[in-house]
Amino acid sequence: MTTKYNSPPLSFKEKVGYGMGDMASNFYMGFFSLFLLYYYTDVYGISAAAAATMLLVTKIIDAVSDPAMGLIADRTTTKWGKYRPYLLWMAIPYALLGYLLFLGPEFGDTGKLIFAYITYSLIMLAYTAINVPYSGLMAVIHPQSGERTKAAQYRFIFASVGSLVVGASAKPLVDYLGGGDELLGFRLTIILFAILSVAVFWYTFAVTRERVTPKKHESSIKEDFATLLENKSWIILVFTGIFVVVGLVARFASIAYYTKYYMGDDGTNIFLWMDETTLIISCGLIGQLFGALITPKLVTLFEKHKLMFSINLIHALLLFFAFTISPDNLALTIIVHTLGIITFGIAITLLFTMYTDCVEYGEWKTGNNSAGLTVSASMFSLKFGSAVGGALPGFILAAFGFIANETQTPESIEGIRYMFNILPGVFFLLSAILILFYKIDRAQLTQIENDLAERRN
C-alpha cells in the first residue's frame, strides 16, 4: 500500500541547504570533540580531572534547557514557521560565544576553571537554542519518511564535511596562526569557524521550508512529556544514542593524546600539510562521509534497527582489535580507525531518521506533533553522551597518572591505549545490544504514514 503526498520531493538545493546546517554546527562541535579536552589540559593549563568534571557537571543545565527549548519551538508561530527562525536569530550569539570559549584569559588556576565553567555552559545553551530547532525542522520538512531520510543523509554528509574541514585544517591552522603560541592559535582559528558558521546557518534558513503544518499545539507540557515517555522505542533510541556518542567522542577526545604520547607524533608533516594526528582524523572523517552516503541504500535493504545493531557490533570488534596494533604501524591504525568511523557515519544518520519516525509515531498515537520536544530530549541525550565521552578520557588520564607535556610512565601510556580503544569499544557494544529492543519497524511506519497522510489531507 502506498500513500500520495501533496508535497513534491525535496529539491537538491533544499537537501543541500538543510544538510549544510549541521556543517555549521560541526565547525564548532567537531572542533570541541577533537581538541577541547586537549586545549584545557595542554594549552590552558587546567588539570585533566577538573576539566573532565566540568564537562559532566555543566550537563545539569542541559537537562533543563534542551527540553525547554523543544517546548518553546513547538509553541513558536511565525511567518517563517516554528523551527527555521532560530537559525536566523541565534547564529551570531552562537558564533560569539564560541570565540569566548577559547579566549584564554590568565586568571590563575581557580579563575581559569570558573571561566571554563561559565563559557562552556553558555556555548552549550547557544547550541541548544539553534540546534534543537534545526533538528526539529527535519520532522516537518516533508511528510514522507523516505524524503526525511534523504534530508538526514545530506545532513550527515555535510556534518562529515564540516568535521573533515576541522580535522584536516584545525591543528595546522592553530600552528600557523599561533606561530608557536598555541593559545593564540586556538583563539584565531575559532574566529574563522565562527564566521563560517554564521554564513552557513543563514543560508540554511534561506533555502529550507516547513511543509508539515501540525494543528495548533493544545496539549499541556505535562501531557507532552507523558506521551513522550510512553514511546518505548524513543526511550531505547535515546539510550542507544548516548552510548554511540560516548563511544565516538571518547575516541575522538583521545586521538591527540594517543598520537602524541603513544605513537610519538612530534608534529612533523608526513603527507602534504598533515602530521600523524591530522592524517588519522582526516581519513576517519572521510570514512564518516562515506558512511552517510551509503546509508539510504542500506535502509532499503535492511530494517533500520537491525542495521544499527550490525554496524555498532562491527565497530566494537574493530576497536578491540585496534588495541593490539603497535605504535609504529600507522597504516593499520588509519585503516581500522577509518573502517570504524564509516560505521559511525551510518549509525548517526540512522539515529536521526529514527528520531523523526518516533515523532510521527507520537503524532499517530496522540494527534499532537511534538517534534521540538521529541528531538530536543534526544539532543540532550547526544549532548550528555558527548560530555561523558569527553570527560571519561580525562578521568582515565588522571587515574593512570598522566602529566601534560611530560614523558609518560608505562602506566599512563597503558591508560591512553585503554581510553582510545577499549573504552569506546565497550560503549559501541552496549549500543548494539540495546537497539535490539527497538519496536518501530518498516511495516508499522508505512501504516503510520498512511494514516497521518489521510488526516492531514
Protein backbone atom coordinates (compact mmCIF):
# COMPACT_ATOMS: atom_id res chain seq x y z
CA MET A 1 0.00 0.00 0.00
CA THR A 2 1.37 3.45 -0.92
CA THR A 3 0.39 6.96 0.02
CA LYS A 4 0.11 10.01 -2.22
CA TYR A 5 1.50 13.22 -0.79
CA ASN A 6 0.62 16.77 -1.70
CA SER A 7 4.28 17.82 -1.37
CA PRO A 8 6.70 17.07 -4.22
CA PRO A 9 10.07 15.50 -3.39
CA LEU A 10 12.68 17.75 -1.81
CA SER A 11 14.83 19.60 -4.33
CA PHE A 12 18.57 19.07 -4.48
CA LYS A 13 19.09 22.69 -3.40
CA GLU A 14 16.95 22.28 -0.30
CA LYS A 15 18.55 18.99 0.69
CA VAL A 16 21.98 20.60 0.37
CA GLY A 17 20.81 23.69 2.25
CA TYR A 18 19.35 21.65 5.07
CA GLY A 19 22.44 19.48 5.29
CA MET A 20 24.75 22.48 5.48
CA GLY A 21 23.12 23.50 8.77
CA ASP A 22 24.81 20.60 10.50
CA MET A 23 28.09 21.52 8.82
CA ALA A 24 27.82 24.88 10.60
CA SER A 25 27.24 23.07 13.91
CA ASN A 26 30.20 20.79 13.34
CA PHE A 27 32.60 23.66 12.71
CA TYR A 28 32.25 24.06 16.47
CA MET A 29 31.18 20.67 17.83
CA GLY A 30 33.75 18.79 15.74
CA PHE A 31 36.39 21.22 16.97
CA PHE A 32 35.31 20.71 20.58
CA SER A 33 35.18 16.91 20.30
CA LEU A 34 38.69 16.72 18.87
CA PHE A 35 40.53 19.43 20.74
CA LEU A 36 38.64 20.90 23.72
CA LEU A 37 39.95 18.46 26.36
CA TYR A 38 43.47 18.80 24.91
CA TYR A 39 43.10 22.60 24.91
CA TYR A 40 42.07 22.63 28.56
CA THR A 41 44.88 20.31 29.76
CA ASP A 42 47.85 21.01 27.49
CA VAL A 43 47.21 24.64 26.47
CA TYR A 44 45.08 26.44 29.05
CA GLY A 45 46.57 24.54 31.99
CA ILE A 46 43.51 23.00 33.68
CA SER A 47 44.03 19.57 35.24
CA ALA A 48 42.58 16.58 33.43
CA ALA A 49 40.30 15.63 36.33
CA ALA A 50 39.00 19.20 36.75
CA ALA A 51 38.28 19.56 33.03
CA ALA A 52 36.53 16.19 32.94
CA THR A 53 34.38 17.10 35.95
CA MET A 54 33.44 20.43 34.35
CA LEU A 55 32.31 18.72 31.14
CA LEU A 56 29.97 16.50 33.17
CA VAL A 57 28.66 18.99 35.73
CA THR A 58 27.60 21.51 33.09
CA LYS A 59 25.23 18.92 31.61
CA ILE A 60 22.87 19.64 34.53
CA ILE A 61 21.92 22.84 32.69
CA ASP A 62 21.19 20.90 29.51
CA ALA A 63 18.79 18.62 31.38
CA VAL A 64 16.51 21.66 31.67
CA SER A 65 17.47 23.78 28.66
CA ASP A 66 17.11 21.14 25.94
CA PRO A 67 13.50 20.07 26.67
CA ALA A 68 12.62 23.71 27.45
CA MET A 69 13.89 24.77 24.02
CA GLY A 70 11.88 21.98 22.41
CA LEU A 71 8.71 23.13 24.16
CA ILE A 72 9.38 26.73 23.11
CA ALA A 73 9.99 25.77 19.49
CA ASP A 74 6.84 23.61 19.35
CA ARG A 75 4.82 26.63 20.50
CA THR A 76 6.53 29.17 18.24
CA THR A 77 4.42 30.68 15.45
CA THR A 78 5.98 32.99 12.86
CA LYS A 79 5.61 33.67 9.14
CA TRP A 80 8.77 31.53 8.69
CA GLY A 81 7.41 28.55 10.67
CA LYS A 82 8.20 27.09 14.06
CA TYR A 83 11.80 25.99 13.76
CA ARG A 84 13.54 27.89 10.92
CA PRO A 85 13.54 31.33 12.62
CA TYR A 86 16.02 30.21 15.26
CA LEU A 87 18.64 29.62 12.56
CA LEU A 88 18.37 33.33 11.79
CA TRP A 89 18.12 34.65 15.33
CA MET A 90 20.74 32.59 17.15
CA ALA A 91 23.62 32.35 14.64
CA ILE A 92 25.53 35.42 15.84
CA PRO A 93 25.25 34.68 19.61
CA TYR A 94 26.41 31.13 18.84
CA ALA A 95 29.44 32.42 16.95
CA LEU A 96 30.45 34.97 19.61
CA LEU A 97 30.20 32.51 22.49
CA GLY A 98 32.36 30.00 20.61
CA TYR A 99 35.09 32.62 20.38
CA LEU A 100 34.71 33.41 24.10
CA LEU A 101 35.31 29.73 24.94
CA PHE A 102 38.86 29.94 23.55
CA LEU A 103 39.66 33.47 24.73
CA GLY A 104 42.02 32.01 27.34
CA PRO A 105 42.47 34.87 29.87
CA GLU A 106 45.12 34.40 32.57
CA PHE A 107 43.02 34.22 35.72
CA GLY A 108 45.04 31.77 37.85
CA ASP A 109 44.09 28.14 38.41
CA THR A 110 40.75 28.77 40.12
CA GLY A 111 39.82 31.65 37.84
CA LYS A 112 40.57 29.58 34.74
CA LEU A 113 38.31 26.80 35.92
CA ILE A 114 35.47 29.22 36.72
CA PHE A 115 35.91 30.82 33.30
CA ALA A 116 35.75 27.38 31.67
CA TYR A 117 32.52 26.53 33.53
CA ILE A 118 30.85 29.78 32.51
CA THR A 119 31.92 29.87 28.86
CA TYR A 120 31.27 26.17 28.19
CA SER A 121 27.80 26.45 29.75
CA LEU A 122 26.99 29.50 27.62
CA ILE A 123 28.10 27.96 24.34
CA MET A 124 26.08 24.82 25.08
CA LEU A 125 22.99 26.98 25.73
CA ALA A 126 23.53 28.71 22.39
CA TYR A 127 24.00 25.32 20.71
CA THR A 128 20.69 24.20 22.22
CA ALA A 129 18.87 27.32 21.03
CA ILE A 130 19.94 26.81 17.42
CA ASN A 131 20.35 23.04 17.06
CA VAL A 132 17.16 21.83 18.72
CA PRO A 133 15.02 23.82 16.25
CA TYR A 134 17.32 22.77 13.40
CA SER A 135 16.80 19.10 14.31
CA GLY A 136 13.06 19.66 14.74
CA LEU A 137 12.95 21.13 11.24
CA MET A 138 13.71 17.71 9.75
CA ALA A 139 10.45 16.33 11.17
CA VAL A 140 8.39 18.95 9.30
CA ILE A 141 10.46 19.43 6.15
CA HIS A 142 8.45 16.70 4.37
CA PRO A 143 5.59 14.33 5.33
CA GLN A 144 7.25 11.23 3.82
CA SER A 145 9.83 9.17 5.74
CA GLY A 146 11.85 8.50 2.58
CA GLU A 147 12.30 12.22 1.92
CA ARG A 148 13.27 12.81 5.55
CA THR A 149 15.83 10.01 5.24
CA LYS A 150 17.30 11.85 2.26
CA ALA A 151 17.40 15.07 4.28
CA ALA A 152 19.14 13.19 7.09
CA GLN A 153 21.61 11.77 4.58
CA TYR A 154 22.51 15.25 3.36
CA ARG A 155 22.63 16.44 6.95
CA PHE A 156 25.28 13.93 7.88
CA ILE A 157 27.13 14.21 4.61
CA PHE A 158 27.65 17.88 5.38
CA ALA A 159 28.20 17.19 9.08
CA SER A 160 31.02 14.90 7.95
CA VAL A 161 32.32 17.59 5.61
CA GLY A 162 32.30 20.10 8.46
CA SER A 163 34.13 17.70 10.76
CA LEU A 164 36.55 16.84 7.95
CA VAL A 165 37.35 20.51 7.37
CA VAL A 166 38.01 20.88 11.09
CA GLY A 167 40.00 17.65 11.33
CA ALA A 168 42.16 18.42 8.31
CA SER A 169 42.78 22.10 9.00
CA ALA A 170 42.35 22.96 12.68
CA LYS A 171 45.69 21.75 14.03
CA PRO A 172 47.69 23.17 11.08
CA LEU A 173 45.78 26.47 11.44
CA VAL A 174 46.48 26.61 15.18
CA ASP A 175 50.20 26.06 14.49
CA TYR A 176 50.32 28.55 11.60
CA LEU A 177 48.21 31.35 13.07
CA GLY A 178 49.70 30.99 16.54
CA GLY A 179 53.31 31.00 15.31
CA GLY A 180 54.27 28.70 18.17
CA ASP A 181 51.74 30.18 20.64
CA GLU A 182 49.00 27.51 20.84
CA LEU A 183 46.69 29.71 22.91
CA LEU A 184 46.75 32.46 20.28
CA GLY A 185 46.42 29.85 17.54
CA PHE A 186 43.24 28.39 19.03
CA ARG A 187 41.78 31.88 19.53
CA LEU A 188 42.38 32.95 15.91
CA THR A 189 41.29 29.61 14.42
CA ILE A 190 37.92 29.71 16.15
CA ILE A 191 37.26 33.16 14.65
CA LEU A 192 37.42 31.64 11.17
CA PHE A 193 35.00 28.87 12.07
CA ALA A 194 32.67 31.37 13.78
CA ILE A 195 32.35 33.47 10.61
CA LEU A 196 31.71 30.38 8.50
CA SER A 197 29.06 29.15 10.95
CA VAL A 198 27.00 32.34 10.76
CA ALA A 199 27.07 32.40 6.95
CA VAL A 200 26.05 28.75 6.63
CA PHE A 201 23.23 28.90 9.22
CA TRP A 202 21.71 31.88 7.40
CA TYR A 203 21.92 30.03 4.10
CA THR A 204 20.09 27.05 5.60
CA PHE A 205 17.37 29.39 6.85
CA ALA A 206 17.03 30.94 3.38
CA VAL A 207 16.60 27.75 1.30
CA THR A 208 14.53 25.43 3.54
CA ARG A 209 10.77 25.28 4.13
CA GLU A 210 8.40 23.70 6.66
CA ARG A 211 5.84 21.63 4.73
CA VAL A 212 4.15 19.75 7.56
CA THR A 213 1.93 22.17 9.47
CA PRO A 214 0.74 20.47 12.65
CA LYS A 215 -2.52 21.58 14.20
CA LYS A 216 -2.30 24.22 16.90
CA HIS A 217 -0.47 22.80 19.89
CA GLU A 218 -3.15 22.48 22.55
CA SER A 219 -1.75 19.82 24.90
CA SER A 220 -0.10 20.81 28.16
CA ILE A 221 3.60 20.41 28.90
CA LYS A 222 2.77 17.60 31.32
CA GLU A 223 0.79 15.77 28.63
CA ASP A 224 3.61 16.20 26.10
CA PHE A 225 6.13 14.63 28.48
CA ALA A 226 3.73 11.82 29.41
CA THR A 227 3.20 10.99 25.73
CA LEU A 228 6.94 11.01 25.09
CA LEU A 229 7.66 8.62 27.96
CA GLU A 230 5.02 6.19 26.66
CA ASN A 231 7.01 5.87 23.42
CA LYS A 232 9.19 2.88 24.32
CA SER A 233 11.10 2.89 21.06
CA TRP A 234 12.06 6.52 21.63
CA ILE A 235 13.43 5.66 25.08
CA ILE A 236 15.50 2.83 23.61
CA LEU A 237 16.76 5.19 20.90
CA VAL A 238 17.77 7.85 23.42
CA PHE A 239 19.99 5.48 25.38
CA THR A 240 21.37 3.94 22.20
CA GLY A 241 22.28 7.44 21.07
CA ILE A 242 24.02 8.14 24.37
CA PHE A 243 26.17 5.01 24.07
CA VAL A 244 27.04 5.67 20.40
CA VAL A 245 28.09 9.26 21.10
CA VAL A 246 30.02 8.37 24.26
CA GLY A 247 31.97 5.83 22.23
CA LEU A 248 32.73 8.20 19.37
CA VAL A 249 33.61 11.27 21.45
CA ALA A 250 35.75 9.25 23.87
CA ARG A 251 37.78 8.05 20.89
CA PHE A 252 37.99 11.49 19.28
CA ALA A 253 38.96 13.16 22.56
CA SER A 254 41.75 10.59 22.94
CA ILE A 255 43.32 10.91 19.49
CA ALA A 256 45.64 13.83 20.30
CA TYR A 257 46.96 12.02 23.39
CA TYR A 258 47.29 8.65 21.63
CA THR A 259 49.29 10.04 18.71
CA LYS A 260 51.41 12.42 20.78
CA TYR A 261 52.34 10.15 23.68
CA TYR A 262 51.92 6.57 22.36
CA MET A 263 52.72 6.90 18.66
CA GLY A 264 55.31 9.65 19.15
CA ASP A 265 53.81 12.23 16.77
CA ASP A 266 56.05 15.31 17.02
CA GLY A 267 54.05 17.43 14.58
CA THR A 268 56.21 16.66 11.53
CA ASN A 269 54.25 16.68 8.26
CA ILE A 270 54.08 13.20 6.74
CA PHE A 271 51.52 13.83 3.98
CA LEU A 272 51.05 17.27 2.44
CA TRP A 273 50.35 19.60 5.39
CA MET A 274 49.30 16.78 7.74
CA ASP A 275 51.08 15.24 10.69
CA GLU A 276 50.08 11.80 12.01
CA THR A 277 47.26 13.21 14.16
CA THR A 278 45.69 15.22 11.36
CA LEU A 279 46.03 12.36 8.87
CA ILE A 280 44.29 9.84 11.16
CA ILE A 281 41.50 12.31 11.92
CA SER A 282 41.03 13.22 8.25
CA CYS A 283 40.91 9.64 7.00
CA GLY A 284 38.38 8.75 9.66
CA LEU A 285 36.14 11.67 8.77
CA ILE A 286 36.30 10.78 5.07
CA GLY A 287 35.05 7.38 6.24
CA GLN A 288 32.19 9.07 8.11
CA LEU A 289 31.22 10.90 4.93
CA PHE A 290 31.19 7.61 3.02
CA GLY A 291 29.02 6.03 5.71
CA ALA A 292 26.46 8.82 5.43
CA LEU A 293 26.44 8.48 1.63
CA ILE A 294 25.61 4.78 1.61
CA THR A 295 23.00 4.84 4.41
CA PRO A 296 19.87 5.40 2.24
CA LYS A 297 20.78 2.40 0.09
CA LEU A 298 21.34 0.24 3.16
CA VAL A 299 17.98 1.36 4.60
CA THR A 300 16.23 -0.05 1.51
CA LEU A 301 17.88 -3.43 2.17
CA PHE A 302 17.66 -3.78 5.95
CA GLU A 303 15.39 -2.77 8.84
CA LYS A 304 16.86 0.32 10.47
CA HIS A 305 17.28 -1.11 13.98
CA LYS A 306 18.82 -4.35 12.67
CA LEU A 307 21.28 -2.34 10.61
CA MET A 308 22.10 -0.25 13.68
CA PHE A 309 22.82 -3.43 15.64
CA SER A 310 25.17 -4.82 13.00
CA ILE A 311 27.27 -1.74 12.40
CA ASN A 312 27.76 -0.96 16.09
CA LEU A 313 28.82 -4.54 16.75
CA ILE A 314 31.33 -4.31 13.89
CA HIS A 315 32.68 -1.03 15.26
CA ALA A 316 33.17 -2.55 18.71
CA LEU A 317 35.08 -5.53 17.30
CA LEU A 318 37.31 -3.21 15.25
CA LEU A 319 38.23 -1.21 18.34
CA PHE A 320 39.05 -4.29 20.39
CA PHE A 321 41.36 -5.36 17.58
CA ALA A 322 42.89 -1.85 17.43
CA PHE A 323 44.15 -2.30 21.00
CA THR A 324 46.66 -4.85 19.67
CA ILE A 325 48.19 -2.56 16.99
CA SER A 326 51.78 -1.48 17.64
CA PRO A 327 52.57 2.27 17.85
CA ASP A 328 54.74 2.25 14.71
CA ASN A 329 52.03 0.72 12.48
CA LEU A 330 50.46 3.95 11.25
CA ALA A 331 48.87 2.37 8.15
CA LEU A 332 46.92 -0.26 10.09
CA THR A 333 45.88 2.31 12.69
CA ILE A 334 44.43 4.50 9.94
CA ILE A 335 42.64 1.59 8.23
CA VAL A 336 40.97 0.30 11.39
CA HIS A 337 40.04 3.79 12.57
CA THR A 338 38.55 4.68 9.17
CA LEU A 339 36.51 1.48 8.96
CA GLY A 340 35.13 2.18 12.42
CA ILE A 341 34.14 5.73 11.59
CA ILE A 342 32.38 4.51 8.43
CA THR A 343 30.07 2.54 10.70
CA PHE A 344 29.54 5.62 12.84
CA GLY A 345 28.57 7.62 9.74
CA ILE A 346 25.85 5.05 9.11
CA ALA A 347 24.76 4.96 12.75
CA ILE A 348 24.39 8.70 13.26
CA THR A 349 22.45 9.10 10.01
CA LEU A 350 20.12 6.28 11.02
CA LEU A 351 19.72 7.69 14.51
CA PHE A 352 18.15 10.95 13.40
CA THR A 353 15.85 9.39 10.83
CA MET A 354 14.66 7.05 13.57
CA TYR A 355 14.03 10.04 15.86
CA THR A 356 11.71 11.56 13.25
CA ASP A 357 9.98 8.17 12.92
CA CYS A 358 9.34 8.43 16.66
CA VAL A 359 7.88 11.93 16.14
CA GLU A 360 5.38 10.51 13.65
CA TYR A 361 4.59 7.59 15.94
CA GLY A 362 3.78 10.08 18.71
CA GLU A 363 1.53 12.13 16.41
CA TRP A 364 -0.17 8.96 15.19
CA LYS A 365 -0.94 7.89 18.76
CA THR A 366 -1.98 11.26 20.24
CA GLY A 367 -2.75 13.68 17.39
CA ASN A 368 -0.07 16.11 18.57
CA ASN A 369 3.18 16.65 16.66
CA SER A 370 5.82 17.42 19.32
CA ALA A 371 8.85 17.40 17.05
CA GLY A 372 10.67 20.03 19.07
CA LEU A 373 10.28 18.23 22.39
CA THR A 374 10.97 14.78 20.93
CA VAL A 375 14.13 15.90 19.17
CA SER A 376 15.25 18.23 21.99
CA ALA A 377 15.11 15.46 24.55
CA SER A 378 17.01 13.35 22.06
CA MET A 379 19.54 16.17 21.59
CA PHE A 380 20.07 16.20 25.33
CA SER A 381 20.96 12.52 25.16
CA LEU A 382 23.52 13.28 22.45
CA LYS A 383 24.97 16.24 24.33
CA PHE A 384 25.08 14.20 27.52
CA GLY A 385 26.81 11.40 25.62
CA SER A 386 29.24 13.92 24.18
CA ALA A 387 30.02 15.27 27.65
CA VAL A 388 30.50 11.80 29.13
CA GLY A 389 32.61 10.76 26.15
CA GLY A 390 34.75 13.86 26.53
CA ALA A 391 35.04 13.51 30.31
CA LEU A 392 35.84 9.81 30.69
CA PRO A 393 39.27 10.10 28.99
CA GLY A 394 40.10 12.91 31.42
CA PHE A 395 39.28 10.71 34.40
CA ILE A 396 41.29 7.85 32.91
CA LEU A 397 44.28 10.15 32.36
CA ALA A 398 44.11 11.28 35.99
CA ALA A 399 43.71 7.72 37.29
CA PHE A 400 46.77 6.48 35.36
CA GLY A 401 49.00 9.36 36.48
CA PHE A 402 49.08 11.45 33.30
CA ILE A 403 51.09 14.70 33.45
CA ALA A 404 50.69 17.05 30.49
CA ASN A 405 53.72 17.72 28.28
CA GLU A 406 55.95 15.27 30.17
CA THR A 407 57.41 11.87 29.28
CA GLN A 408 54.70 9.42 30.28
CA THR A 409 55.10 6.40 32.53
CA PRO A 410 54.23 2.92 31.21
CA GLU A 411 51.08 3.09 33.34
CA SER A 412 49.86 6.35 31.80
CA ILE A 413 50.63 5.02 28.30
CA GLU A 414 48.51 1.97 29.09
CA GLY A 415 45.69 4.26 30.23
CA ILE A 416 45.88 6.19 26.96
CA ARG A 417 45.63 2.93 25.00
CA TYR A 418 42.59 1.84 27.00
CA MET A 419 40.78 5.16 26.59
CA PHE A 420 41.41 5.23 22.82
CA ASN A 421 40.34 1.65 22.06
CA ILE A 422 38.70 -0.42 24.80
CA LEU A 423 36.56 2.30 26.37
CA PRO A 424 34.77 3.35 23.14
CA GLY A 425 34.54 -0.30 22.07
CA VAL A 426 32.55 -1.18 25.18
CA PHE A 427 30.04 1.61 24.52
CA PHE A 428 29.52 0.62 20.89
CA LEU A 429 28.90 -2.95 22.05
CA LEU A 430 26.31 -1.73 24.58
CA SER A 431 24.53 0.31 21.89
CA ALA A 432 24.37 -2.76 19.63
CA ILE A 433 22.71 -4.82 22.36
CA LEU A 434 20.24 -2.11 23.40
CA ILE A 435 18.88 -1.33 19.92
CA LEU A 436 17.58 -4.91 19.64
CA PHE A 437 14.64 -3.79 21.82
CA TYR A 438 13.52 -1.04 19.38
CA LYS A 439 10.00 -1.79 18.07
CA ILE A 440 9.06 0.53 15.16
CA ASP A 441 9.63 -1.49 12.00
CA ARG A 442 9.07 -0.75 8.32
CA ALA A 443 5.57 -2.21 8.18
CA GLN A 444 4.33 -0.18 11.13
CA LEU A 445 5.94 3.01 9.80
CA THR A 446 4.15 2.56 6.46
CA GLN A 447 0.82 2.26 8.30
CA ILE A 448 1.61 5.35 10.37
CA GLU A 449 2.42 7.43 7.28
CA ASN A 450 -0.75 6.31 5.51
CA ASP A 451 -2.92 7.21 8.47
CA LEU A 452 -1.25 10.59 9.01
CA ALA A 453 -1.45 11.44 5.31
CA GLU A 454 -5.23 10.85 5.38
CA ARG A 455 -5.63 13.04 8.46
CA ARG A 456 -3.53 15.88 7.04
CA ASN A 457 -5.23 15.81 3.66
